[in-house]
Structures are given as structure tokens and as C-alpha cells.
Protein backbone atom coordinates (compact mmCIF):
# COMPACT_ATOMS: atom_id res chain seq x y z
CA MET A 1 31.08 125.40 -11.88
CA ILE A 2 27.82 123.53 -11.60
CA GLU A 3 26.57 121.79 -15.29
CA LEU A 4 23.70 120.17 -16.03
CA ALA A 5 23.96 118.01 -19.23
CA HIS A 6 20.92 116.43 -21.06
CA LEU A 7 18.95 116.20 -17.64
CA THR A 8 15.56 114.13 -17.56
CA ARG A 9 13.45 112.73 -14.99
CA ARG A 10 10.37 110.98 -15.50
CA TYR A 11 7.98 109.17 -13.28
CA GLY A 12 6.28 106.79 -15.38
CA ASP A 13 4.64 108.54 -18.72
CA LEU A 14 5.09 111.85 -16.87
CA VAL A 15 7.86 113.73 -17.99
CA ALA A 16 8.91 116.30 -15.32
CA VAL A 17 12.03 117.28 -16.44
CA ASP A 18 12.74 117.11 -20.44
CA ASP A 19 16.37 116.94 -21.92
CA VAL A 20 17.62 120.11 -19.69
CA SER A 21 21.70 121.30 -19.67
CA PHE A 22 22.95 124.95 -18.57
CA SER A 23 25.75 125.77 -16.80
CA ILE A 24 26.46 128.25 -13.47
CA LEU A 25 29.81 129.82 -13.21
CA ARG A 26 30.66 130.05 -9.34
CA GLY A 27 29.73 133.35 -7.65
CA GLU A 28 26.78 133.82 -10.26
CA VAL A 29 23.20 134.63 -8.71
CA VAL A 30 20.54 132.36 -11.13
CA GLY A 31 16.88 132.60 -11.26
CA LEU A 32 15.31 129.17 -12.31
CA LEU A 33 11.83 130.85 -13.10
CA GLY A 34 8.57 129.26 -14.65
CA HIS A 35 4.95 128.35 -13.53
CA ASN A 36 4.21 125.89 -10.71
CA GLY A 37 4.44 122.58 -12.50
CA ALA A 38 7.25 123.80 -15.13
CA GLY A 39 9.75 121.25 -13.29
CA LYS A 40 12.00 123.71 -11.17
CA SER A 41 11.70 121.71 -7.88
CA THR A 42 12.46 118.48 -9.57
CA VAL A 43 15.59 119.95 -10.88
CA MET A 44 16.62 121.61 -7.65
CA LYS A 45 15.83 118.16 -5.80
CA MET A 46 18.18 116.34 -8.81
CA LEU A 47 20.85 119.06 -8.45
CA THR A 48 21.03 118.37 -4.49
CA GLY A 49 21.21 114.78 -4.62
CA TYR A 50 17.80 113.69 -2.99
CA LEU A 51 16.15 112.69 -6.17
CA GLU A 52 17.84 110.35 -9.02
CA PRO A 53 17.64 111.05 -12.59
CA THR A 54 16.27 108.93 -15.11
CA SER A 55 18.89 110.24 -17.45
CA GLY A 56 21.52 112.72 -17.93
CA THR A 57 24.19 114.15 -15.50
CA ILE A 58 25.14 116.67 -12.75
CA ARG A 59 28.68 117.69 -12.47
CA ILE A 60 29.98 120.36 -9.58
CA ASP A 61 33.72 120.78 -10.35
CA ASP A 62 35.13 117.25 -10.35
CA LEU A 63 32.43 115.78 -8.74
CA VAL A 64 29.90 113.66 -10.35
CA ILE A 65 26.15 113.43 -8.65
CA GLY A 66 25.85 109.50 -7.87
CA ARG A 67 29.32 108.94 -7.66
CA ASP A 68 29.96 111.43 -5.44
CA THR A 69 26.79 113.03 -4.08
CA ARG A 70 27.67 113.38 -0.60
CA ALA A 71 30.44 115.28 -1.10
CA ILE A 72 28.27 117.55 -3.30
CA GLN A 73 25.82 117.61 -0.75
CA ALA A 74 28.43 119.07 2.03
CA ARG A 75 28.87 121.95 -0.53
CA ILE A 76 25.24 123.20 -0.74
CA GLY A 77 22.82 124.63 1.66
CA TYR A 78 19.20 123.90 0.84
CA LEU A 79 16.05 125.37 1.38
CA PRO A 80 13.52 123.24 0.04
CA GLU A 81 9.80 124.75 -1.51
CA ASN A 82 8.50 122.89 2.12
CA CYS A 83 10.95 123.04 4.30
CA PRO A 84 10.76 120.27 6.94
CA VAL A 85 11.03 121.32 10.48
CA TRP A 86 10.48 119.80 13.96
CA PRO A 87 7.43 121.83 15.41
CA ASP A 88 8.34 120.79 19.32
CA MET A 89 12.17 122.00 19.03
CA THR A 90 12.84 125.61 19.68
CA VAL A 91 14.80 127.20 17.28
CA MET A 92 17.97 127.35 18.64
CA ASP A 93 17.71 123.35 19.31
CA PHE A 94 16.70 123.08 15.82
CA LEU A 95 19.55 124.61 14.58
CA SER A 96 22.05 122.96 16.95
CA TYR A 97 20.58 119.78 15.30
CA GLN A 98 21.32 120.99 11.80
CA ALA A 99 24.82 121.86 12.56
CA ALA A 100 25.45 118.49 13.67
CA LEU A 101 24.10 117.04 10.75
CA HIS A 102 25.86 119.59 8.43
CA GLY A 103 29.28 118.19 10.22
CA VAL A 104 30.20 121.66 11.68
CA PRO A 105 32.70 121.06 14.69
CA GLU A 106 30.94 121.29 18.21
CA THR A 107 33.63 123.99 19.22
CA GLN A 108 32.07 126.26 16.27
CA ARG A 109 28.38 125.61 16.59
CA GLY A 110 27.88 128.38 18.81
CA LYS A 111 29.42 131.07 16.48
CA ALA A 112 27.93 129.65 13.45
CA ILE A 113 24.19 129.47 15.20
CA ALA A 114 24.73 133.06 16.44
CA GLY A 115 25.79 134.09 12.34
CA ALA A 116 22.71 132.30 10.96
CA VAL A 117 20.21 133.88 13.36
CA ARG A 118 21.99 137.31 13.23
CA ARG A 119 21.68 136.94 9.39
CA THR A 120 18.31 135.72 9.23
CA ALA A 121 16.60 138.63 11.65
CA LEU A 122 15.69 135.58 13.84
CA LYS A 123 17.28 136.62 17.60
CA GLU A 124 13.78 137.49 19.22
CA LYS A 125 12.29 134.18 18.13
CA ALA A 126 15.70 132.16 18.92
CA THR A 127 13.94 130.28 22.22
CA ALA A 128 10.62 130.31 20.57
CA THR A 129 9.07 126.43 19.89
CA ILE A 130 8.99 125.93 15.91
CA GLN A 131 5.10 125.29 16.26
CA THR A 132 4.42 128.78 17.61
CA LEU A 133 6.01 130.75 14.87
CA SER A 134 4.55 132.09 11.88
CA ARG A 135 4.80 130.59 8.05
CA GLY A 136 7.35 133.56 7.40
CA TYR A 137 9.19 132.86 10.62
CA ARG A 138 9.32 129.40 9.49
CA GLN A 139 10.63 130.16 6.50
CA ARG A 140 13.67 132.09 8.04
CA VAL A 141 14.40 129.05 9.74
CA GLY A 142 14.39 127.14 6.81
CA VAL A 143 17.01 129.61 5.69
CA ALA A 144 19.03 129.79 8.52
CA GLN A 145 19.66 125.82 8.37
CA ALA A 146 20.66 126.23 4.83
CA ILE A 147 23.42 128.68 5.42
CA LEU A 148 24.70 126.97 8.71
CA HIS A 149 28.18 125.54 7.33
CA ALA A 150 28.68 128.31 5.01
CA PRO A 151 28.21 126.47 1.88
CA ASP A 152 29.43 127.53 -1.39
CA ILE A 153 26.48 126.78 -3.13
CA VAL A 154 23.27 127.41 -1.60
CA ILE A 155 19.52 126.53 -3.37
CA LEU A 156 16.96 128.45 -2.09
CA ASP A 157 13.32 127.01 -3.61
CA GLU A 158 10.38 129.58 -3.30
CA PRO A 159 12.46 131.68 -0.56
CA THR A 160 9.95 134.30 -0.26
CA ASN A 161 6.79 131.89 0.47
CA GLY A 162 4.83 133.61 3.47
CA LEU A 163 7.03 136.29 3.69
CA ASP A 164 5.60 139.58 4.54
CA PRO A 165 6.66 142.75 2.55
CA THR A 166 9.26 143.98 5.28
CA GLN A 167 10.31 140.65 5.48
CA ILE A 168 10.97 139.90 1.46
CA LEU A 169 13.61 143.10 1.25
CA GLN A 170 14.95 141.23 4.20
CA MET A 171 15.19 138.15 2.38
CA ARG A 172 16.55 140.03 -1.02
CA GLY A 173 19.14 141.74 0.82
CA LEU A 174 20.30 137.93 2.45
CA ILE A 175 20.59 136.64 -0.97
CA ARG A 176 22.60 139.58 -1.86
CA GLU A 177 24.87 139.12 0.82
CA LEU A 178 25.04 135.34 0.54
CA ALA A 179 26.00 135.67 -3.15
CA GLU A 180 29.40 137.86 -1.99
CA HIS A 181 30.57 134.22 -0.92
CA ALA A 182 28.51 131.31 -2.99
CA THR A 183 26.78 130.82 -6.10
CA VAL A 184 23.49 130.69 -5.69
CA ILE A 185 20.09 129.38 -7.08
CA VAL A 186 16.52 131.01 -6.56
CA SER A 187 14.00 128.86 -7.89
CA THR A 188 10.38 130.44 -8.24
CA HIS A 189 7.44 131.39 -9.94
CA ILE A 190 7.65 135.06 -8.91
CA LEU A 191 8.73 137.41 -11.33
CA GLN A 192 9.63 140.48 -9.14
CA GLU A 193 11.96 138.40 -7.05
CA VAL A 194 14.24 137.06 -9.99
CA GLN A 195 14.38 140.69 -11.37
CA ALA A 196 15.16 141.51 -7.88
CA VAL A 197 18.55 139.71 -7.19
CA CYS A 198 19.43 137.96 -9.96
CA GLU A 199 22.08 138.43 -12.72
CA ARG A 200 20.78 135.71 -14.65
CA VAL A 201 17.68 133.56 -15.34
CA VAL A 202 16.71 130.29 -16.98
CA ILE A 203 13.24 129.81 -17.41
CA MET A 204 11.36 126.77 -17.78
CA ARG A 205 8.08 125.57 -19.55
CA ALA A 206 6.49 122.05 -19.24
CA GLY A 207 10.21 120.59 -17.82
CA ARG A 208 12.31 122.03 -20.45
CA LYS A 209 14.22 125.10 -20.76
CA VAL A 210 13.07 127.79 -23.00
CA ILE A 211 15.41 130.37 -22.28
CA ASP A 212 18.83 131.00 -20.52
CA ALA A 213 19.91 134.67 -20.92
CA ARG A 214 21.35 137.46 -18.69
CA ILE A 215 18.66 139.71 -17.50
CA ASP A 216 19.88 142.91 -18.68
CA ALA A 217 20.18 141.35 -22.13
CA LEU A 218 16.34 140.18 -22.13
CA GLN A 219 15.51 143.90 -20.92
CA ARG A 220 16.85 145.35 -23.79
CA GLY A 221 14.63 145.67 -26.56
CA ALA A 222 14.98 146.31 -30.18
CA ARG A 223 11.51 147.60 -31.14
CA LEU A 224 9.70 150.72 -31.39
CA LEU A 225 6.14 151.26 -30.98
CA VAL A 226 4.43 153.51 -33.38
CA THR A 227 1.00 154.50 -33.12
CA ILE A 228 -0.90 156.39 -36.14
CA ASP A 229 -4.11 157.20 -37.54
CA ARG A 230 -3.56 154.75 -40.28
CA ASP A 231 -4.17 151.36 -41.12
CA GLU A 232 -1.92 148.40 -42.07
CA ALA A 233 -2.38 148.79 -45.79
CA GLU A 234 -1.22 152.70 -45.70
CA ALA A 235 1.03 152.28 -42.97
CA ARG A 236 3.18 149.21 -44.00
CA PRO A 237 5.25 150.43 -46.91
CA VAL A 238 5.68 153.79 -45.11
CA LEU A 239 7.13 152.05 -42.00
CA GLU A 240 9.05 149.42 -43.91
CA GLY A 241 10.91 152.03 -46.01
CA VAL A 242 12.27 153.52 -43.30
CA PRO A 243 16.35 152.41 -43.22
CA GLY A 244 16.96 149.88 -40.35
CA VAL A 245 13.15 148.58 -39.63
CA THR A 246 13.34 144.72 -40.69
CA ARG A 247 9.63 144.25 -39.88
CA VAL A 248 6.48 145.76 -39.14
CA ALA A 249 4.21 144.09 -37.26
CA VAL A 250 0.11 145.19 -36.07
CA ASP A 251 -0.03 145.38 -32.28
CA GLY A 252 -3.48 146.88 -31.32
CA ARG A 253 -5.99 149.28 -32.65
CA ALA A 254 -8.32 151.67 -30.85
CA ALA A 255 -10.46 154.56 -31.93
CA GLY A 256 -9.07 154.73 -34.91
CA GLN A 257 -5.29 154.46 -33.98
CA TRP A 258 -3.20 151.68 -34.81
CA ARG A 259 0.03 150.90 -33.15
CA TYR A 260 2.80 149.23 -35.11
CA ALA A 261 5.73 147.18 -33.69
CA LEU A 262 8.80 147.90 -35.69
CA ASP A 263 12.21 145.68 -35.55
CA ALA A 264 14.67 148.58 -35.28
CA ALA A 265 17.20 149.99 -33.04
CA ASP A 266 16.21 152.98 -30.91
CA ASP A 267 18.26 155.61 -32.79
CA ALA A 268 15.79 155.04 -36.09
CA ALA A 269 12.79 156.60 -34.35
CA PRO A 270 13.85 159.93 -35.90
CA MET A 271 13.54 158.46 -39.12
CA VAL A 272 10.70 156.89 -38.43
CA GLY A 273 8.87 160.07 -37.27
CA ALA A 274 10.25 162.29 -40.28
CA ALA A 275 8.73 159.11 -42.48
CA VAL A 276 5.33 159.55 -40.71
CA HIS A 277 5.37 163.42 -41.02
CA ARG A 278 6.50 163.31 -44.95
CA ALA A 279 3.74 160.55 -45.42
CA GLY A 280 1.13 163.08 -44.01
CA PHE A 281 0.00 160.51 -41.27
CA ALA A 282 -1.05 162.13 -37.68
CA LEU A 283 1.66 160.73 -35.00
CA HIS A 284 0.45 159.93 -32.02
CA ALA A 285 2.90 158.12 -30.22
CA LEU A 286 6.99 156.96 -30.84
CA SER A 287 8.62 155.11 -28.06
CA PRO A 288 11.28 151.93 -27.81
CA GLU A 289 9.04 149.30 -26.56
CA ARG A 290 9.70 148.69 -22.53
CA ARG A 291 10.81 145.19 -21.72
CA ASP A 292 11.04 143.54 -18.35
CA LEU A 293 10.84 139.97 -17.20
CA GLU A 294 7.08 140.15 -17.47
CA THR A 295 6.73 141.16 -20.95
CA VAL A 296 9.67 138.00 -21.51
CA PHE A 297 7.53 135.64 -19.61
CA ALA A 298 4.60 136.46 -21.44
CA GLU A 299 5.97 135.79 -24.44
CA VAL A 300 7.30 132.51 -23.32
CA ASP A 301 3.70 131.67 -22.74
CA ARG A 302 3.02 132.22 -26.23
CA GLY A 303 6.14 130.48 -27.50
CA PRO A 304 9.36 131.55 -27.38
CA SER A 305 10.87 133.22 -30.45
CA GLU A 306 14.26 132.30 -32.04
CA GLU A 307 15.48 135.90 -31.04
CA LEU A 308 14.77 134.81 -26.98
CA ARG A 309 15.90 131.26 -27.33
CA HIS A 310 19.68 132.62 -28.08
CA ALA A 311 19.48 135.48 -26.04
CA ALA A 312 22.92 135.81 -24.00
């Protein structure tokens, strides 16, 4: 298990990461999501031992960053946001060099390199020099070096950076494959990538953790959206009188129609419709709110509700 406790990193007066705590179970695929500058990469660098925390602890099973940094790094495959590569080396030479750095026995290097090349679809570029590769192919070389030594923790910082749509789909498939044998952490600011491959998300904002929840839990909305022809003064008493409705908020207005967001379970919809009909209102629309990660992320930007903070 990976456990981060009260992790903080300061650069002078700048607090890049502010008292962040969360844990990751073996075999989970977790997305670390946030805008550029939210502190994601700083967390990744501390987790991999490349950056020392100002305060707080990082524990992986019985190992602790600081005391056991080298042993932890041996268990991790890491793709930094800007992966350092040697442009004059060929892909095969670079991977052979990285395999040696990772401590892969010489007798097993050929098999390890071949496996990494196959899984990252680099075969046609294996003998090319890195300086001739596109940004997308260089990104794949970075992923290949991260998985050479079959690590049980794989950390990918912006893994789809520079990839075309086909390569993005291949990368998603690789992440799912890696998750069969390893714990995977994907750091990104791209909502679709987290939604496509992760089962859980940790959202950061201005250096702080604001949400830690399973994606399916975040997507389960508990609101009904109803559009009628009456303003709040007339509509609120009727809607608040429906059993199971705990809150009514105006959600929009256009062309003589008002949309209200009701905190209520989906099965309250028939009672809401009946109440609107009894009151003599014109009902234009009634549906459960469709929630996706984009909706949640927008709510975080506005300031997460208590419900979001404790979603799990």
C-alpha cells in the first residue's frame, strides 16, 4: 500500500503542496487530476524520491521515503512530464542503458527490452536515433523505460502528452494492461484520460487535495432537473412540498422558462411531475442530472461542496 501523510512542499514563501494525505491500495488505478500548477507533478516527484518533502511522510508497505528511498525507487517505474532522453542514442541503445540502470540482469535485458518495445509499439523505430522521433514516439520511449524492470508501481505524469488519437487509444490500452499486475498512478490535467482508464480520482487545487473518491461515486448524481413556466416565488413552495425533495435551487432561465435543480433521488421524478401537473404549471423537461468528471471538475473550480469533499 502507498500512504502519503500530511505531505507539504515549500519553495520559500510558495507552498506547492499543502498538507496532502491519501492512500492507494495495491492494484488500484488512480488519477491525480488538476490544473497546471495544482501540485500534481510535485507530489509525483516526492513520491518517487526525486524531491524531498518539506514535511510529511511517504510510506510504501514497510518502506519510508528518506530511509528507504533507493529500495522504493527500485519498485517504481516513472515517466516524468518531460522525460529525459539522449537524442544521439538509438531507441534500443537507450533502453539497454536504462535496463542496466534499473538493475535488470544482463541475461534478461534482451527479453525485457523486447517486451517494452512490443507493449509501446516501438518496433518500427527501434533502430532510429531518438532525435529523429516525433514528440509522440519520444513519449512512448519514456513509457518503455518506465516499464522495463516490471515494476509493481507505475507512475505516469501526463502520459498522453504529444500523442495523436490512435496513440492515445494505444496508451489507454497499455495502462489497462499494466493495471493487471501493478498499481498505476496517472497524473494529468486532461479529464478524458482519467475517466477512460482510472477507477478513482484525487483532485488537487492550488496545492491542496480537494476530492478523493471513486469515479463511479462522483458520477452518481442525486439531483433532478425540472424546467417549468413559473418563477421561483410560485415554483418553490410546490417543489419543496414533494416528498424526498430536500433542496430547490434555480439553475437557469430562458424565454419564460425556469430550470430548477432539486436535491432528490431519481425515483422522486414521478412525484415531481405529478406535483407540477396538480399546480397547473407547464412542464417542459424533467430528468436526472447527467454528471461526468467535467461537471465535478467545474464544481471544484467554484469550490467543492461538502458532498463532493466526502464522496467515496
